[in-house]
Amino acid sequence: MQRLKIVFSGPIGAGKTQAIASLSDIPVVSTEAQNTDLAAHTKALTTVGMDYGELTLEGGTGIGLYGTPGQERFNFIWPILSQGALGVIILIDHSAADPVQDMARYLANFDKIYQGHIIIGVSQIDKKPERPFEIYRDWLRENSRNLPIFPVDMRKRDDVLLLVETIITKLEQE
């Protein structure tokens, strides 16, 4: 059986833990702790180490799903979790104060590791419907970036599966 690895990253509150929980065939291993950085986000719990789940695709291919902590103070673990991964799915919280800047920051961090093996999922669109989705595509276009980007609901397995299937398809086309 082939074994693959995909990393989910993004700022606190973007839905990394939920995305992995929506896909995982096993109970998710999570290192959530009480959020002590309420200035960054008001959620009660936050990942401080990693999240881990497993997904088995048709044909038996297994995928390890690794979620990074979203707080910048834990960014030292991002490259460690990224070792040996096919690529990264960057999740962005549409309702954040400056989601485009969040996307730019995460792309700058993960470009060094993946050189284009990146998919972007934008969550929480329902919390800020007046903000146009085009702001992300405009930024990508202005910065000569051609990356797949999708609005997603991390609670919906099919939405998250689309991100995983897109990264696998993108790699198969190379």
N, C-alpha and C. Protein backbone atom coordinates (compact mmCIF):
# COMPACT_ATOMS: atom_id res chain seq x y z
N MET A 1 0.84 -1.19 0.00
CA MET A 1 0.00 0.00 0.00
C MET A 1 0.88 1.24 0.00
N GLN A 2 0.54 2.17 -0.89
CA GLN A 2 1.28 3.43 -0.96
C GLN A 2 0.86 4.33 0.20
N ARG A 3 1.84 5.02 0.78
CA ARG A 3 1.58 5.91 1.91
C ARG A 3 2.04 7.32 1.55
N LEU A 4 1.13 8.28 1.62
CA LEU A 4 1.42 9.67 1.28
C LEU A 4 1.24 10.55 2.51
N LYS A 5 1.70 11.78 2.41
CA LYS A 5 1.58 12.73 3.52
C LYS A 5 1.19 14.09 2.96
N ILE A 6 0.19 14.71 3.58
CA ILE A 6 -0.24 16.06 3.22
C ILE A 6 -0.33 16.88 4.50
N VAL A 7 0.13 18.12 4.43
CA VAL A 7 0.12 19.03 5.57
C VAL A 7 -0.97 20.08 5.38
N PHE A 8 -1.70 20.35 6.45
CA PHE A 8 -2.67 21.44 6.49
C PHE A 8 -2.08 22.52 7.38
N SER A 9 -2.04 23.75 6.87
CA SER A 9 -1.51 24.85 7.65
C SER A 9 -2.37 26.09 7.43
N GLY A 10 -2.16 27.09 8.25
CA GLY A 10 -2.91 28.33 8.16
C GLY A 10 -3.04 28.94 9.53
N PRO A 11 -3.56 30.14 9.58
CA PRO A 11 -3.68 30.83 10.87
C PRO A 11 -4.68 30.17 11.80
N ILE A 12 -4.59 30.55 13.05
CA ILE A 12 -5.51 30.05 14.07
C ILE A 12 -6.95 30.36 13.65
N GLY A 13 -7.82 29.38 13.79
CA GLY A 13 -9.23 29.56 13.46
C GLY A 13 -9.62 29.29 12.03
N ALA A 14 -8.66 28.90 11.19
CA ALA A 14 -8.96 28.67 9.78
C ALA A 14 -9.64 27.32 9.53
N GLY A 15 -9.55 26.40 10.49
CA GLY A 15 -10.25 25.13 10.34
C GLY A 15 -9.39 23.91 10.11
N LYS A 16 -8.12 23.96 10.45
CA LYS A 16 -7.21 22.83 10.21
C LYS A 16 -7.65 21.58 10.96
N THR A 17 -7.91 21.71 12.25
CA THR A 17 -8.33 20.56 13.05
C THR A 17 -9.64 20.00 12.53
N GLN A 18 -10.58 20.87 12.21
CA GLN A 18 -11.88 20.42 11.69
C GLN A 18 -11.72 19.75 10.34
N ALA A 19 -10.87 20.26 9.47
CA ALA A 19 -10.65 19.67 8.15
C ALA A 19 -10.14 18.24 8.29
N ILE A 20 -9.18 18.04 9.16
CA ILE A 20 -8.62 16.70 9.37
C ILE A 20 -9.68 15.78 9.97
N ALA A 21 -10.44 16.29 10.92
CA ALA A 21 -11.51 15.49 11.54
C ALA A 21 -12.57 15.10 10.51
N SER A 22 -12.85 15.98 9.55
CA SER A 22 -13.85 15.69 8.52
C SER A 22 -13.41 14.56 7.58
N LEU A 23 -12.10 14.40 7.42
CA LEU A 23 -11.58 13.40 6.48
C LEU A 23 -11.10 12.11 7.12
N SER A 24 -10.64 12.18 8.34
CA SER A 24 -9.92 11.07 8.94
C SER A 24 -10.78 9.82 9.15
N ASP A 25 -10.17 8.69 8.81
CA ASP A 25 -10.81 7.39 9.04
C ASP A 25 -10.55 6.88 10.45
N ILE A 26 -9.69 7.55 11.17
CA ILE A 26 -9.38 7.19 12.55
C ILE A 26 -9.69 8.38 13.45
N PRO A 27 -9.82 8.16 14.75
CA PRO A 27 -9.97 9.32 15.64
C PRO A 27 -8.73 10.21 15.52
N VAL A 28 -8.93 11.51 15.42
CA VAL A 28 -7.83 12.44 15.22
C VAL A 28 -7.00 12.55 16.49
N VAL A 29 -5.69 12.46 16.30
CA VAL A 29 -4.76 12.72 17.39
C VAL A 29 -4.55 14.24 17.39
N SER A 30 -4.86 14.86 18.49
CA SER A 30 -4.82 16.32 18.54
C SER A 30 -4.05 16.79 19.76
N THR A 31 -3.37 17.89 19.61
CA THR A 31 -2.64 18.49 20.73
C THR A 31 -3.24 19.85 21.04
N GLU A 32 -4.55 19.88 21.17
CA GLU A 32 -5.20 21.15 21.47
C GLU A 32 -5.07 21.47 22.95
N ALA A 33 -4.87 22.75 23.21
CA ALA A 33 -4.77 23.25 24.58
C ALA A 33 -5.57 24.54 24.67
N GLN A 34 -5.78 25.00 25.88
CA GLN A 34 -6.51 26.25 26.07
C GLN A 34 -5.77 27.38 25.37
N ASN A 35 -6.51 28.17 24.61
CA ASN A 35 -5.95 29.31 23.90
C ASN A 35 -5.61 30.42 24.89
N THR A 36 -4.32 30.74 24.97
CA THR A 36 -3.89 31.82 25.86
C THR A 36 -3.61 33.11 25.09
N ASP A 37 -3.82 33.05 23.76
CA ASP A 37 -3.59 34.22 22.90
C ASP A 37 -4.92 34.72 22.36
N LEU A 38 -5.77 35.17 23.26
CA LEU A 38 -7.11 35.61 22.85
C LEU A 38 -7.07 36.86 21.99
N ALA A 39 -5.95 37.56 21.96
CA ALA A 39 -5.82 38.72 21.07
C ALA A 39 -5.76 38.26 19.62
N ALA A 40 -5.18 37.08 19.38
CA ALA A 40 -5.08 36.55 18.02
C ALA A 40 -6.40 35.94 17.56
N HIS A 41 -7.09 35.27 18.47
CA HIS A 41 -8.36 34.62 18.12
C HIS A 41 -9.10 34.28 19.40
N THR A 42 -10.42 34.35 19.38
CA THR A 42 -11.21 34.13 20.58
C THR A 42 -11.62 32.69 20.80
N LYS A 43 -11.19 31.76 19.94
CA LYS A 43 -11.58 30.37 20.15
C LYS A 43 -10.98 29.81 21.43
N ALA A 44 -11.69 28.89 22.07
CA ALA A 44 -11.28 28.39 23.39
C ALA A 44 -10.04 27.51 23.32
N LEU A 45 -9.96 26.64 22.29
CA LEU A 45 -8.83 25.72 22.17
C LEU A 45 -8.04 26.00 20.91
N THR A 46 -6.76 25.67 20.94
CA THR A 46 -5.91 25.84 19.77
C THR A 46 -4.87 24.73 19.74
N THR A 47 -4.43 24.37 18.54
CA THR A 47 -3.42 23.34 18.38
C THR A 47 -2.05 23.92 18.77
N VAL A 48 -1.32 23.17 19.60
CA VAL A 48 -0.01 23.64 20.04
C VAL A 48 1.13 22.75 19.54
N GLY A 49 0.83 21.60 19.00
CA GLY A 49 1.85 20.71 18.46
C GLY A 49 1.50 20.32 17.05
N MET A 50 0.53 19.43 16.93
CA MET A 50 0.05 19.02 15.61
C MET A 50 -1.27 18.27 15.76
N ASP A 51 -1.95 18.14 14.64
CA ASP A 51 -3.10 17.24 14.54
C ASP A 51 -2.68 16.14 13.58
N TYR A 52 -3.23 14.95 13.77
CA TYR A 52 -2.91 13.85 12.86
C TYR A 52 -4.16 13.00 12.64
N GLY A 53 -4.39 12.69 11.36
CA GLY A 53 -5.45 11.79 10.98
C GLY A 53 -4.99 10.97 9.79
N GLU A 54 -5.79 9.99 9.41
CA GLU A 54 -5.46 9.14 8.26
C GLU A 54 -6.67 9.01 7.36
N LEU A 55 -6.39 9.00 6.08
CA LEU A 55 -7.42 8.84 5.06
C LEU A 55 -6.97 7.75 4.10
N THR A 56 -7.87 6.82 3.79
CA THR A 56 -7.57 5.79 2.79
C THR A 56 -8.43 6.05 1.58
N LEU A 57 -7.78 6.25 0.43
CA LEU A 57 -8.48 6.50 -0.82
C LEU A 57 -8.86 5.18 -1.48
N GLU A 58 -9.76 5.26 -2.47
CA GLU A 58 -10.08 4.08 -3.26
C GLU A 58 -8.79 3.54 -3.85
N GLY A 59 -8.62 2.25 -3.84
CA GLY A 59 -7.39 1.66 -4.33
C GLY A 59 -6.39 1.40 -3.22
N GLY A 60 -6.71 1.87 -2.01
CA GLY A 60 -5.88 1.56 -0.86
C GLY A 60 -4.77 2.54 -0.53
N THR A 61 -4.63 3.61 -1.29
CA THR A 61 -3.59 4.59 -0.97
C THR A 61 -3.92 5.27 0.34
N GLY A 62 -2.98 5.24 1.26
CA GLY A 62 -3.16 5.88 2.56
C GLY A 62 -2.52 7.25 2.59
N ILE A 63 -3.19 8.19 3.22
CA ILE A 63 -2.66 9.55 3.35
C ILE A 63 -2.63 9.92 4.82
N GLY A 64 -1.45 10.32 5.29
CA GLY A 64 -1.33 10.89 6.62
C GLY A 64 -1.66 12.36 6.53
N LEU A 65 -2.57 12.80 7.36
CA LEU A 65 -3.04 14.20 7.36
C LEU A 65 -2.45 14.89 8.59
N TYR A 66 -1.58 15.85 8.37
CA TYR A 66 -0.89 16.53 9.45
C TYR A 66 -1.32 17.99 9.50
N GLY A 67 -1.73 18.45 10.67
CA GLY A 67 -2.12 19.84 10.84
C GLY A 67 -1.12 20.57 11.70
N THR A 68 -0.69 21.72 11.22
CA THR A 68 0.27 22.53 11.98
C THR A 68 -0.47 23.43 12.96
N PRO A 69 0.23 23.89 13.99
CA PRO A 69 -0.38 24.92 14.84
C PRO A 69 -0.46 26.22 14.04
N GLY A 70 -1.47 27.03 14.31
CA GLY A 70 -1.66 28.25 13.55
C GLY A 70 -0.96 29.47 14.11
N GLN A 71 -0.59 29.42 15.38
CA GLN A 71 0.04 30.58 15.99
C GLN A 71 1.48 30.71 15.52
N GLU A 72 1.88 31.92 15.19
CA GLU A 72 3.23 32.19 14.70
C GLU A 72 4.31 31.72 15.68
N ARG A 73 4.03 31.76 16.96
CA ARG A 73 5.06 31.36 17.93
C ARG A 73 5.40 29.88 17.84
N PHE A 74 4.57 29.09 17.15
CA PHE A 74 4.85 27.67 16.96
C PHE A 74 5.35 27.36 15.55
N ASN A 75 5.76 28.39 14.80
CA ASN A 75 6.15 28.17 13.41
C ASN A 75 7.41 27.33 13.24
N PHE A 76 8.16 27.13 14.29
CA PHE A 76 9.35 26.27 14.20
C PHE A 76 8.99 24.83 13.85
N ILE A 77 7.76 24.43 14.16
CA ILE A 77 7.36 23.05 13.89
C ILE A 77 6.87 22.84 12.45
N TRP A 78 6.54 23.94 11.74
CA TRP A 78 6.03 23.82 10.38
C TRP A 78 6.96 23.04 9.46
N PRO A 79 8.26 23.38 9.38
CA PRO A 79 9.14 22.62 8.49
C PRO A 79 9.37 21.18 8.95
N ILE A 80 9.29 20.95 10.25
CA ILE A 80 9.46 19.59 10.77
C ILE A 80 8.30 18.72 10.30
N LEU A 81 7.08 19.21 10.47
CA LEU A 81 5.90 18.45 10.03
C LEU A 81 5.84 18.31 8.51
N SER A 82 6.47 19.22 7.80
CA SER A 82 6.41 19.23 6.35
C SER A 82 7.38 18.26 5.68
N GLN A 83 8.33 17.74 6.42
CA GLN A 83 9.33 16.83 5.82
C GLN A 83 8.63 15.63 5.21
N GLY A 84 8.93 15.37 3.94
CA GLY A 84 8.40 14.21 3.24
C GLY A 84 6.97 14.34 2.74
N ALA A 85 6.37 15.50 2.88
CA ALA A 85 4.98 15.68 2.45
C ALA A 85 4.91 15.98 0.95
N LEU A 86 3.79 15.58 0.34
CA LEU A 86 3.54 15.89 -1.08
C LEU A 86 3.39 17.38 -1.30
N GLY A 87 2.80 18.03 -0.33
CA GLY A 87 2.52 19.45 -0.46
C GLY A 87 1.73 19.91 0.74
N VAL A 88 1.27 21.15 0.65
CA VAL A 88 0.54 21.75 1.76
C VAL A 88 -0.79 22.31 1.27
N ILE A 89 -1.78 22.18 2.12
CA ILE A 89 -3.06 22.83 1.91
C ILE A 89 -3.10 23.98 2.91
N ILE A 90 -3.07 25.20 2.41
CA ILE A 90 -3.12 26.38 3.27
C ILE A 90 -4.58 26.79 3.41
N LEU A 91 -5.02 26.86 4.66
CA LEU A 91 -6.39 27.26 4.96
C LEU A 91 -6.38 28.69 5.48
N ILE A 92 -7.28 29.49 4.97
CA ILE A 92 -7.38 30.91 5.33
C ILE A 92 -8.79 31.18 5.87
N ASP A 93 -8.85 31.92 6.97
CA ASP A 93 -10.12 32.31 7.59
C ASP A 93 -10.59 33.61 6.94
N HIS A 94 -11.63 33.51 6.12
CA HIS A 94 -12.18 34.65 5.38
C HIS A 94 -12.65 35.77 6.32
N SER A 95 -13.03 35.42 7.55
CA SER A 95 -13.56 36.42 8.48
C SER A 95 -12.46 37.11 9.30
N ALA A 96 -11.21 36.74 9.09
CA ALA A 96 -10.10 37.35 9.83
C ALA A 96 -9.94 38.82 9.45
N ALA A 97 -9.19 39.54 10.26
CA ALA A 97 -8.99 40.98 10.02
C ALA A 97 -8.35 41.25 8.65
N ASP A 98 -7.33 40.48 8.27
CA ASP A 98 -6.66 40.68 6.99
C ASP A 98 -6.30 39.32 6.38
N PRO A 99 -7.29 38.63 5.83
CA PRO A 99 -7.05 37.28 5.33
C PRO A 99 -6.09 37.23 4.14
N VAL A 100 -6.04 38.27 3.34
CA VAL A 100 -5.11 38.29 2.21
C VAL A 100 -3.67 38.34 2.72
N GLN A 101 -3.43 39.14 3.75
CA GLN A 101 -2.10 39.18 4.35
C GLN A 101 -1.75 37.83 4.98
N ASP A 102 -2.73 37.18 5.61
CA ASP A 102 -2.50 35.84 6.16
C ASP A 102 -2.07 34.88 5.05
N MET A 103 -2.78 34.93 3.93
CA MET A 103 -2.43 34.06 2.80
C MET A 103 -1.02 34.35 2.30
N ALA A 104 -0.69 35.62 2.16
CA ALA A 104 0.64 36.00 1.69
C ALA A 104 1.73 35.49 2.64
N ARG A 105 1.49 35.59 3.93
CA ARG A 105 2.48 35.16 4.93
C ARG A 105 2.68 33.65 4.88
N TYR A 106 1.60 32.90 4.78
CA TYR A 106 1.73 31.44 4.74
C TYR A 106 2.35 30.97 3.42
N LEU A 107 2.01 31.64 2.33
CA LEU A 107 2.65 31.29 1.06
C LEU A 107 4.15 31.55 1.13
N ALA A 108 4.56 32.66 1.72
CA ALA A 108 5.99 32.97 1.84
C ALA A 108 6.71 31.90 2.65
N ASN A 109 6.08 31.41 3.71
CA ASN A 109 6.69 30.37 4.53
C ASN A 109 6.78 29.03 3.80
N PHE A 110 5.72 28.65 3.11
CA PHE A 110 5.67 27.31 2.53
C PHE A 110 6.21 27.24 1.10
N ASP A 111 6.37 28.38 0.44
CA ASP A 111 6.99 28.37 -0.89
C ASP A 111 8.39 27.78 -0.83
N LYS A 112 9.10 28.06 0.23
CA LYS A 112 10.47 27.56 0.38
C LYS A 112 10.50 26.04 0.43
N ILE A 113 9.46 25.45 0.97
CA ILE A 113 9.42 24.01 1.16
C ILE A 113 8.82 23.30 -0.06
N TYR A 114 7.73 23.84 -0.60
CA TYR A 114 6.96 23.12 -1.62
C TYR A 114 7.08 23.61 -3.04
N GLN A 115 7.56 24.80 -3.25
CA GLN A 115 7.78 25.33 -4.60
C GLN A 115 6.60 25.05 -5.53
N GLY A 116 5.41 25.47 -5.11
CA GLY A 116 4.24 25.36 -5.97
C GLY A 116 3.30 24.22 -5.66
N HIS A 117 3.68 23.29 -4.81
CA HIS A 117 2.79 22.18 -4.44
C HIS A 117 1.88 22.64 -3.30
N ILE A 118 1.09 23.66 -3.62
CA ILE A 118 0.25 24.31 -2.63
C ILE A 118 -1.17 24.47 -3.17
N ILE A 119 -2.13 24.19 -2.31
CA ILE A 119 -3.55 24.41 -2.59
C ILE A 119 -4.06 25.33 -1.49
N ILE A 120 -4.97 26.23 -1.82
CA ILE A 120 -5.52 27.15 -0.82
C ILE A 120 -7.02 26.90 -0.67
N GLY A 121 -7.43 26.79 0.58
CA GLY A 121 -8.84 26.67 0.92
C GLY A 121 -9.23 27.86 1.79
N VAL A 122 -10.33 28.50 1.47
CA VAL A 122 -10.78 29.66 2.24
C VAL A 122 -12.06 29.27 2.99
N SER A 123 -11.98 29.36 4.32
CA SER A 123 -13.10 28.96 5.17
C SER A 123 -13.80 30.18 5.76
N GLN A 124 -14.87 29.93 6.48
CA GLN A 124 -15.61 30.96 7.22
C GLN A 124 -16.20 32.05 6.31
N ILE A 125 -16.49 31.71 5.08
CA ILE A 125 -17.03 32.69 4.14
C ILE A 125 -18.40 33.20 4.62
N ASP A 126 -19.16 32.32 5.25
CA ASP A 126 -20.48 32.71 5.72
C ASP A 126 -20.43 33.76 6.84
N LYS A 127 -19.30 33.89 7.50
CA LYS A 127 -19.17 34.87 8.59
C LYS A 127 -18.87 36.28 8.08
N LYS A 128 -18.48 36.40 6.83
CA LYS A 128 -18.15 37.71 6.25
C LYS A 128 -18.59 37.72 4.78
N PRO A 129 -19.89 37.51 4.50
CA PRO A 129 -20.34 37.38 3.12
C PRO A 129 -20.17 38.65 2.28
N GLU A 130 -20.06 39.80 2.94
CA GLU A 130 -19.88 41.04 2.19
C GLU A 130 -18.48 41.19 1.61
N ARG A 131 -17.53 40.40 2.11
CA ARG A 131 -16.15 40.46 1.60
C ARG A 131 -16.07 39.55 0.37
N PRO A 132 -15.68 40.10 -0.78
CA PRO A 132 -15.65 39.29 -2.00
C PRO A 132 -14.53 38.25 -2.01
N PHE A 133 -14.83 37.09 -2.53
CA PHE A 133 -13.84 36.01 -2.66
C PHE A 133 -12.73 36.41 -3.63
N GLU A 134 -13.05 37.29 -4.55
CA GLU A 134 -12.09 37.71 -5.59
C GLU A 134 -10.83 38.36 -5.03
N ILE A 135 -10.86 38.82 -3.77
CA ILE A 135 -9.67 39.46 -3.20
C ILE A 135 -8.47 38.52 -3.22
N TYR A 136 -8.73 37.23 -3.08
CA TYR A 136 -7.65 36.24 -3.07
C TYR A 136 -7.11 36.02 -4.49
N ARG A 137 -8.02 35.85 -5.41
CA ARG A 137 -7.60 35.65 -6.81
C ARG A 137 -6.87 36.89 -7.34
N ASP A 138 -7.36 38.06 -6.97
CA ASP A 138 -6.70 39.31 -7.39
C ASP A 138 -5.26 39.34 -6.87
N TRP A 139 -5.08 39.02 -5.59
CA TRP A 139 -3.73 39.04 -5.02
C TRP A 139 -2.84 38.01 -5.71
N LEU A 140 -3.36 36.81 -5.93
CA LEU A 140 -2.57 35.78 -6.61
C LEU A 140 -2.17 36.24 -8.01
N ARG A 141 -3.11 36.83 -8.73
CA ARG A 141 -2.84 37.32 -10.08
C ARG A 141 -1.80 38.45 -10.06
N GLU A 142 -1.98 39.41 -9.16
CA GLU A 142 -1.04 40.53 -9.05
C GLU A 142 0.37 40.09 -8.68
N ASN A 143 0.48 38.95 -8.02
CA ASN A 143 1.78 38.43 -7.59
C ASN A 143 2.25 37.25 -8.45
N SER A 144 1.63 37.14 -9.64
CA SER A 144 2.01 36.11 -10.63
C SER A 144 2.01 34.71 -10.03
N ARG A 145 0.98 34.41 -9.27
CA ARG A 145 0.83 33.10 -8.65
C ARG A 145 -0.35 32.40 -9.28
N ASN A 146 -0.15 31.20 -9.74
CA ASN A 146 -1.21 30.40 -10.32
C ASN A 146 -1.43 29.17 -9.44
N LEU A 147 -2.22 29.36 -8.40
CA LEU A 147 -2.49 28.29 -7.44
C LEU A 147 -3.98 28.02 -7.36
N PRO A 148 -4.35 26.76 -7.22
CA PRO A 148 -5.77 26.44 -7.02
C PRO A 148 -6.26 27.01 -5.68
N ILE A 149 -7.43 27.63 -5.72
CA ILE A 149 -8.02 28.21 -4.51
C ILE A 149 -9.52 27.95 -4.52
N PHE A 150 -10.04 27.51 -3.37
CA PHE A 150 -11.45 27.12 -3.29
C PHE A 150 -12.08 27.65 -2.01
N PRO A 151 -13.35 28.08 -2.09
CA PRO A 151 -14.09 28.34 -0.86
C PRO A 151 -14.53 26.98 -0.30
N VAL A 152 -14.32 26.76 0.99
CA VAL A 152 -14.63 25.45 1.58
C VAL A 152 -15.27 25.60 2.95
N ASP A 153 -16.05 24.61 3.29
CA ASP A 153 -16.61 24.47 4.63
C ASP A 153 -15.91 23.26 5.23
N MET A 154 -15.09 23.48 6.23
CA MET A 154 -14.26 22.41 6.79
C MET A 154 -15.09 21.31 7.45
N ARG A 155 -16.35 21.57 7.72
CA ARG A 155 -17.22 20.56 8.32
C ARG A 155 -17.74 19.58 7.28
N LYS A 156 -17.59 19.93 6.00
CA LYS A 156 -18.11 19.09 4.91
C LYS A 156 -16.98 18.26 4.30
N ARG A 157 -17.08 16.97 4.47
CA ARG A 157 -16.04 16.06 4.00
C ARG A 157 -15.73 16.26 2.51
N ASP A 158 -16.76 16.42 1.69
CA ASP A 158 -16.53 16.58 0.25
C ASP A 158 -15.75 17.84 -0.08
N ASP A 159 -15.97 18.92 0.67
CA ASP A 159 -15.21 20.16 0.45
C ASP A 159 -13.73 19.93 0.73
N VAL A 160 -13.44 19.29 1.86
CA VAL A 160 -12.04 19.06 2.24
C VAL A 160 -11.40 18.02 1.32
N LEU A 161 -12.17 17.02 0.92
CA LEU A 161 -11.66 16.01 0.01
C LEU A 161 -11.28 16.63 -1.34
N LEU A 162 -12.01 17.65 -1.77
CA LEU A 162 -11.67 18.37 -3.00
C LEU A 162 -10.25 18.94 -2.92
N LEU A 163 -9.89 19.49 -1.77
CA LEU A 163 -8.55 20.05 -1.60
C LEU A 163 -7.48 18.96 -1.72
N VAL A 164 -7.72 17.83 -1.07
CA VAL A 164 -6.77 16.71 -1.11
C VAL A 164 -6.65 16.16 -2.53
N GLU A 165 -7.78 15.94 -3.18
CA GLU A 165 -7.76 15.42 -4.55
C GLU A 165 -7.08 16.38 -5.52
N THR A 166 -7.25 17.68 -5.28
CA THR A 166 -6.62 18.67 -6.15
C THR A 166 -5.10 18.63 -6.01
N ILE A 167 -4.60 18.50 -4.80
CA ILE A 167 -3.14 18.46 -4.63
C ILE A 167 -2.56 17.19 -5.25
N ILE A 168 -3.27 16.08 -5.13
CA ILE A 168 -2.80 14.83 -5.73
C ILE A 168 -2.83 14.93 -7.25
N THR A 169 -3.91 15.46 -7.81
CA THR A 169 -4.03 15.63 -9.26
C THR A 169 -2.94 16.56 -9.78
N LYS A 170 -2.70 17.63 -9.07
CA LYS A 170 -1.66 18.59 -9.48
C LYS A 170 -0.30 17.91 -9.55
N LEU A 171 0.00 17.07 -8.60
CA LEU A 171 1.29 16.36 -8.59
C LEU A 171 1.36 15.33 -9.70
N GLU A 172 0.24 14.66 -9.99
CA GLU A 172 0.23 13.66 -11.06
C GLU A 172 0.44 14.29 -12.45
N GLN A 173 0.09 15.57 -12.60
CA GLN A 173 0.23 16.24 -13.88
C GLN A 173 1.66 16.67 -14.17
N GLU A 174 2.52 16.61 -13.18
CA GLU A 174 3.90 17.05 -13.37
C GLU A 174 4.75 15.96 -13.99
